Protein backbone atom coordinates (compact mmCIF):
# COMPACT_ATOMS: atom_id res chain seq x y z
CA UNK A 1 6.64 1.97 -7.52
CA UNK A 2 4.89 5.19 -5.04
CA UNK A 3 5.42 8.00 -3.61
CA UNK A 4 4.64 7.96 0.16
CA UNK A 5 2.75 11.04 -0.78
CA UNK A 6 0.46 9.24 -3.39
CA UNK A 7 -0.66 6.49 -0.68
CA UNK A 8 -1.24 8.83 2.19
CA UNK A 9 -5.09 9.94 2.13
CA UNK A 10 -6.33 6.98 0.05
CA UNK A 11 -9.53 5.22 0.70
CA UNK A 12 -9.13 1.57 2.06
CA UNK A 13 -11.33 -0.54 0.66
CA UNK A 14 -12.89 -4.19 1.64
CA UNK A 15 -13.42 -6.58 -1.57
CA UNK A 16 -15.28 -9.06 0.21
CA UNK A 17 -17.60 -6.72 2.22
CA UNK A 18 -17.59 -3.76 -0.45
CA UNK A 19 -17.46 -0.85 2.28
CA UNK A 20 -14.92 1.44 2.62
CA UNK A 21 -12.67 1.36 6.06
CA UNK A 22 -11.11 4.97 5.94
CA UNK A 23 -8.27 6.87 4.66
CA UNK A 24 -4.41 6.44 5.14
CA UNK A 25 -3.09 8.81 7.40
CA UNK A 26 0.68 7.44 7.94
CA UNK A 27 3.14 4.90 7.43
CA UNK A 28 5.06 2.79 9.81
CA UNK A 29 8.53 1.72 8.88
CA UNK A 30 10.44 -0.89 10.20
CA UNK A 31 14.02 0.95 10.56
CA UNK A 32 16.33 -2.45 10.47
CA UNK A 33 14.89 -3.47 6.74
CA UNK A 34 14.20 0.11 5.73
CA UNK A 35 10.18 -1.69 4.85
CA UNK A 36 6.99 -0.19 5.07
CA UNK A 37 5.60 -3.09 7.78
CA UNK A 38 1.86 -1.06 8.45
CA UNK A 39 -0.28 1.91 7.09
CA UNK A 40 -2.07 3.94 9.69
CA UNK A 41 -5.73 4.11 8.42
CA UNK A 42 -7.52 6.80 10.76
CA UNK A 43 -10.18 6.02 13.12
CA UNK A 44 -13.93 4.76 12.74
CA UNK A 45 -15.25 7.95 14.90
CA UNK A 46 -13.57 11.19 15.98
CA UNK A 47 -13.27 9.30 19.91
CA UNK A 48 -11.37 6.08 19.06
CA UNK A 49 -8.24 5.07 18.20
CA UNK A 50 -6.48 4.47 14.83
CA UNK A 51 -6.32 1.66 13.13
CA UNK A 52 -3.63 -0.43 10.89
CA UNK A 53 -3.48 -2.57 7.75
CA UNK A 54 -0.29 -4.88 8.04
CA UNK A 55 1.09 -4.40 4.08
CA UNK A 56 1.26 -8.08 3.78
CA UNK A 57 -2.66 -7.77 4.08
CA UNK A 58 -2.69 -4.75 1.45
CA UNK A 59 -4.18 -6.68 -2.30
CA UNK A 60 -2.95 -3.82 -3.99
CA UNK A 61 -2.15 0.00 -4.15
CA UNK A 62 -3.66 1.94 -6.69
CA UNK A 63 -3.87 5.65 -8.17
CA UNK A 64 -7.38 6.21 -6.55
CA UNK A 65 -7.64 3.20 -3.58
CA UNK A 66 -5.76 0.89 -1.42
CA UNK A 67 -7.61 -2.54 -1.36
CA UNK A 68 -7.60 -5.30 1.24
CA UNK A 69 -9.61 -8.94 0.98
CA UNK A 70 -11.66 -8.47 3.96
CA UNK A 71 -12.48 -5.55 6.62
CA UNK A 72 -11.09 -7.80 9.61
CA UNK A 73 -7.40 -6.98 8.25
CA UNK A 74 -7.80 -3.17 9.48
CA UNK A 75 -7.10 -3.48 13.21
CA UNK A 76 -6.71 -1.40 16.03
CA UNK A 77 -3.37 -0.16 16.60
CA UNK A 78 -3.05 -1.30 20.61
CA UNK A 79 -3.60 -5.10 18.95
CA UNK A 80 -0.43 -5.28 17.38
CA UNK A 81 2.59 -5.20 19.91
CA UNK A 82 5.11 -5.49 16.68
CA UNK A 83 3.71 -2.03 15.37
CA UNK A 84 3.44 -0.30 18.87
CA UNK A 85 7.65 -1.22 19.08
CA UNK A 86 8.16 0.35 15.39
CA UNK A 87 5.94 3.48 16.35
CA UNK A 88 8.10 4.09 19.57
CA UNK A 89 10.79 3.93 17.62
CA UNK A 90 9.82 6.58 15.36
CA UNK A 91 11.44 6.69 12.23
CA UNK A 92 9.81 8.69 9.66
CA UNK A 93 12.58 8.94 6.91
CA UNK A 94 10.41 12.06 5.00
CA UNK A 95 11.91 15.05 7.09
CA UNK A 96 15.31 12.94 8.59
CA UNK A 97 18.18 14.96 7.86
CA UNK A 98 21.27 13.33 5.74
CA UNK A 99 24.49 12.23 7.29
CA UNK A 100 27.36 10.67 5.58
CA UNK A 101 28.78 7.68 6.94
CA UNK A 102 32.44 9.82 7.62
CA UNK A 103 29.64 12.93 9.34
CA UNK A 104 29.22 15.44 6.94
CA UNK A 105 25.59 16.60 7.20
CA UNK A 106 24.24 17.22 3.71
CA UNK A 107 20.48 18.18 3.06
CA UNK A 108 17.54 16.30 4.03
CA UNK A 109 14.74 13.61 2.92
CA UNK A 110 11.40 15.18 1.84
CA UNK A 111 10.30 12.07 -0.16
CA UNK A 112 10.35 8.43 0.02
CA UNK A 113 9.77 5.66 -2.86
CA UNK A 114 7.55 2.72 -1.83
CA UNK A 115 7.45 -0.80 -3.91
CA UNK A 116 3.91 -1.21 -3.68
CA UNK A 117 4.13 -5.02 -3.83
CA UNK A 118 6.61 -5.39 -1.08
CA UNK A 119 6.79 -2.44 0.98
CA UNK A 120 10.63 -2.09 0.48
CA UNK A 121 11.70 1.90 0.31
CA UNK A 122 13.27 1.82 -2.58
CA UNK A 123 14.88 5.29 -3.12
CA UNK A 124 14.65 8.79 -0.67
CA UNK A 125 14.23 12.04 -2.30
CA UNK A 126 17.11 14.04 -1.29
CA UNK A 127 17.29 17.90 -1.23
CA UNK A 128 20.34 19.55 -0.80
CA UNK A 129 21.10 22.11 2.18
CA UNK A 130 21.09 25.02 -0.52
CA UNK A 131 17.97 23.41 -2.14
CA UNK A 132 19.79 23.88 -5.76
CA UNK A 133 20.35 20.11 -6.02
CA UNK A 134 17.74 17.16 -5.82
CA UNK A 135 17.82 13.39 -6.74
CA UNK A 136 16.49 9.94 -5.66
CA UNK A 137 18.91 8.10 -2.90
CA UNK A 138 18.99 4.29 -3.57
CA UNK A 139 18.09 2.28 -1.17
CA UNK A 140 21.50 0.49 -1.61
CA UNK A 141 23.56 3.84 -0.76
CA UNK A 142 21.59 4.16 2.50
CA UNK A 143 23.29 2.64 5.62
CA UNK A 144 21.01 3.50 8.36
CA UNK A 145 17.10 4.54 8.60
CA UNK A 146 17.53 6.25 11.89
CA UNK A 147 15.15 8.37 13.77
CA UNK A 148 15.46 12.04 12.19
CA UNK A 149 18.57 11.07 10.37
CA UNK A 150 19.43 8.83 7.21
CA UNK A 151 23.09 8.15 7.08
CA UNK A 152 24.53 7.24 3.50
CA UNK A 153 27.35 6.45 2.26
CA UNK A 154 30.15 9.49 1.23
CA UNK A 155 29.75 8.83 -2.20
CA UNK A 156 25.73 8.98 -2.78
CA UNK A 157 25.74 11.87 -5.09
CA UNK A 158 27.06 10.16 -7.72
CA UNK A 159 24.73 7.09 -7.35
CA UNK A 160 21.45 10.04 -7.43
CA UNK A 161 18.75 8.74 -9.81
CA UNK A 162 17.30 11.58 -11.82
CA UNK A 163 13.19 11.93 -10.62
CA UNK A 164 11.95 12.21 -14.03
CA UNK A 165 13.09 8.27 -14.45
CA UNK A 166 10.83 5.37 -14.03
CA UNK A 167 11.59 3.98 -10.47
CA UNK A 168 12.07 0.18 -10.84
CA UNK A 169 14.02 -1.77 -8.41
CA UNK A 170 16.84 -2.91 -11.28
CA UNK A 171 17.35 0.72 -12.02
CA UNK A 172 17.08 1.87 -7.61
CA UNK A 173 20.20 -1.50 -7.12
CA UNK A 174 21.87 0.30 -10.95
CA UNK A 175 21.56 3.96 -11.17
CA UNK A 176 23.09 3.54 -14.47
CA UNK A 177 20.01 1.54 -15.93
CA UNK A 178 16.69 3.54 -16.62
CA UNK A 179 13.65 1.72 -18.22
CA UNK A 180 11.48 3.82 -20.27
CA UNK A 181 8.31 1.66 -19.41
CA UNK A 182 4.84 2.98 -18.65
CA UNK A 183 3.49 2.03 -15.32
CA UNK A 184 -0.26 0.55 -14.90
CA UNK A 185 -2.22 3.18 -13.45
CA UNK A 186 -5.85 3.31 -12.30
CA UNK A 187 -7.79 6.26 -14.57
CA UNK A 188 -11.55 4.54 -13.80
CA UNK A 189 -13.86 5.66 -11.48
CA UNK A 190 -12.81 4.14 -7.66
CA UNK A 191 -15.66 2.78 -7.26
CA UNK A 192 -16.28 0.87 -10.25
CA UNK A 193 -12.31 -0.69 -9.90
CA UNK A 194 -13.46 -1.79 -6.23
CA UNK A 195 -16.43 -3.72 -7.64
CA UNK A 196 -14.41 -5.20 -10.30
CA UNK A 197 -11.76 -6.09 -7.63
CA UNK A 198 -14.54 -7.50 -5.85
CA UNK A 199 -16.01 -9.73 -8.22
CA UNK A 200 -12.46 -11.03 -9.11
CA UNK A 201 -12.21 -12.03 -5.62
CA UNK A 202 -15.33 -13.70 -5.35
CA UNK A 203 -14.48 -16.38 -8.57
CA UNK A 204 -13.46 -19.91 -7.32
CA UNK A 205 -14.82 -19.34 -3.85
CA UNK A 206 -17.09 -21.74 -2.63
CA UNK A 207 -21.00 -21.17 -1.75
CA UNK A 208 -22.10 -21.54 1.81
CA UNK A 209 -25.34 -21.72 1.20
CA UNK A 210 -28.16 -21.66 -1.70
CA UNK A 211 -28.49 -18.44 -3.22
CA UNK A 212 -32.00 -17.36 -5.08
CA UNK A 213 -33.81 -15.32 -6.95
CA UNK A 214 -36.87 -13.68 -5.38
CA UNK A 215 -38.70 -15.97 -7.91
CA UNK A 216 -36.88 -19.08 -6.28
CA UNK A 217 -34.52 -19.83 -9.35
CA UNK A 218 -31.36 -21.01 -7.92
CA UNK A 219 -28.37 -18.75 -8.74
CA UNK A 220 -25.69 -20.57 -6.40
CA UNK A 221 -26.19 -23.78 -4.81
CA UNK A 222 -24.09 -24.74 -1.52
CA UNK A 223 -20.70 -26.23 -2.32
CA UNK A 224 -21.05 -24.49 -5.72
CA UNK A 225 -17.85 -22.62 -7.06
CA UNK A 226 -18.45 -19.14 -7.77
CA UNK A 227 -18.07 -18.83 -11.31
CA UNK A 228 -18.17 -15.64 -13.69
CA UNK A 229 -22.09 -16.65 -14.94
CA UNK A 230 -22.93 -16.80 -10.96
CA UNK A 231 -21.63 -13.19 -10.59
CA UNK A 232 -23.69 -11.85 -13.58
CA UNK A 233 -26.69 -13.44 -12.31
CA UNK A 234 -26.36 -12.25 -8.48
CA UNK A 235 -25.80 -8.87 -9.80
CA UNK A 236 -28.84 -8.68 -12.12
CA UNK A 237 -30.93 -10.10 -9.59
CA UNK A 238 -29.77 -7.60 -6.73
CA UNK A 239 -27.84 -10.59 -4.55
CA UNK A 240 -24.72 -9.78 -5.28
CA UNK A 241 -24.23 -8.71 -1.66
CA UNK A 242 -25.92 -11.84 -0.32
CA UNK A 243 -23.51 -13.90 -2.30
CA UNK A 244 -20.43 -12.08 -1.27
CA UNK A 245 -21.04 -12.67 1.99
CA UNK A 246 -21.82 -16.25 1.53
CA UNK A 247 -18.63 -17.83 0.85
CA UNK A 248 -15.54 -19.24 1.78
CA UNK A 249 -12.16 -19.94 0.28
């Protein structure tokens, strides 16, 4: 699970082409199902439009980067009508006021927890109006994700989850259950992490042309399935990018 603030600002890295595609600037929420459908990526240049990556095309969200298989997964916003519709609804969640089913305004939301595998909003961090109380509202207590307003069950305060607890899917569905598991995080250099991800991406793909060393020795022949040994040979011969660009599923 990730807070929104832990995702926004991360670089987006393409595993296949070995390139950085820009930083995540925001998320696009579908209020009908409480899911982050897209990540907004900064424009390639100041005079160009912002871009999007569908959450379904996200390979992973680590501590240091968001990865996707190919750079073509990042597209211009105007090329995705469904995303434009969601942007017009302008449901941010963070910054929303909280209202109970019976119409009582009670505090606001200053963060949300996102399942990095599915994009599901699993909890919203509530701050009381007097700022004396805070806690995570489980998604099952949310009735409506609205523009500027989060409508919740009347008894939501009794279901609040302590932020210090591990935020797991089963915890959010049952606030009485607390897991004491240590989450997996990426503490290594993000570029090293990216390189490792790319190597894993290549293994098992089909080579589309012969890859040779400068001396003419074969690293991988057309039609071969990429193996770890081929990857190691390509790296040693400075042919890794060539191998990357000449494979298919």
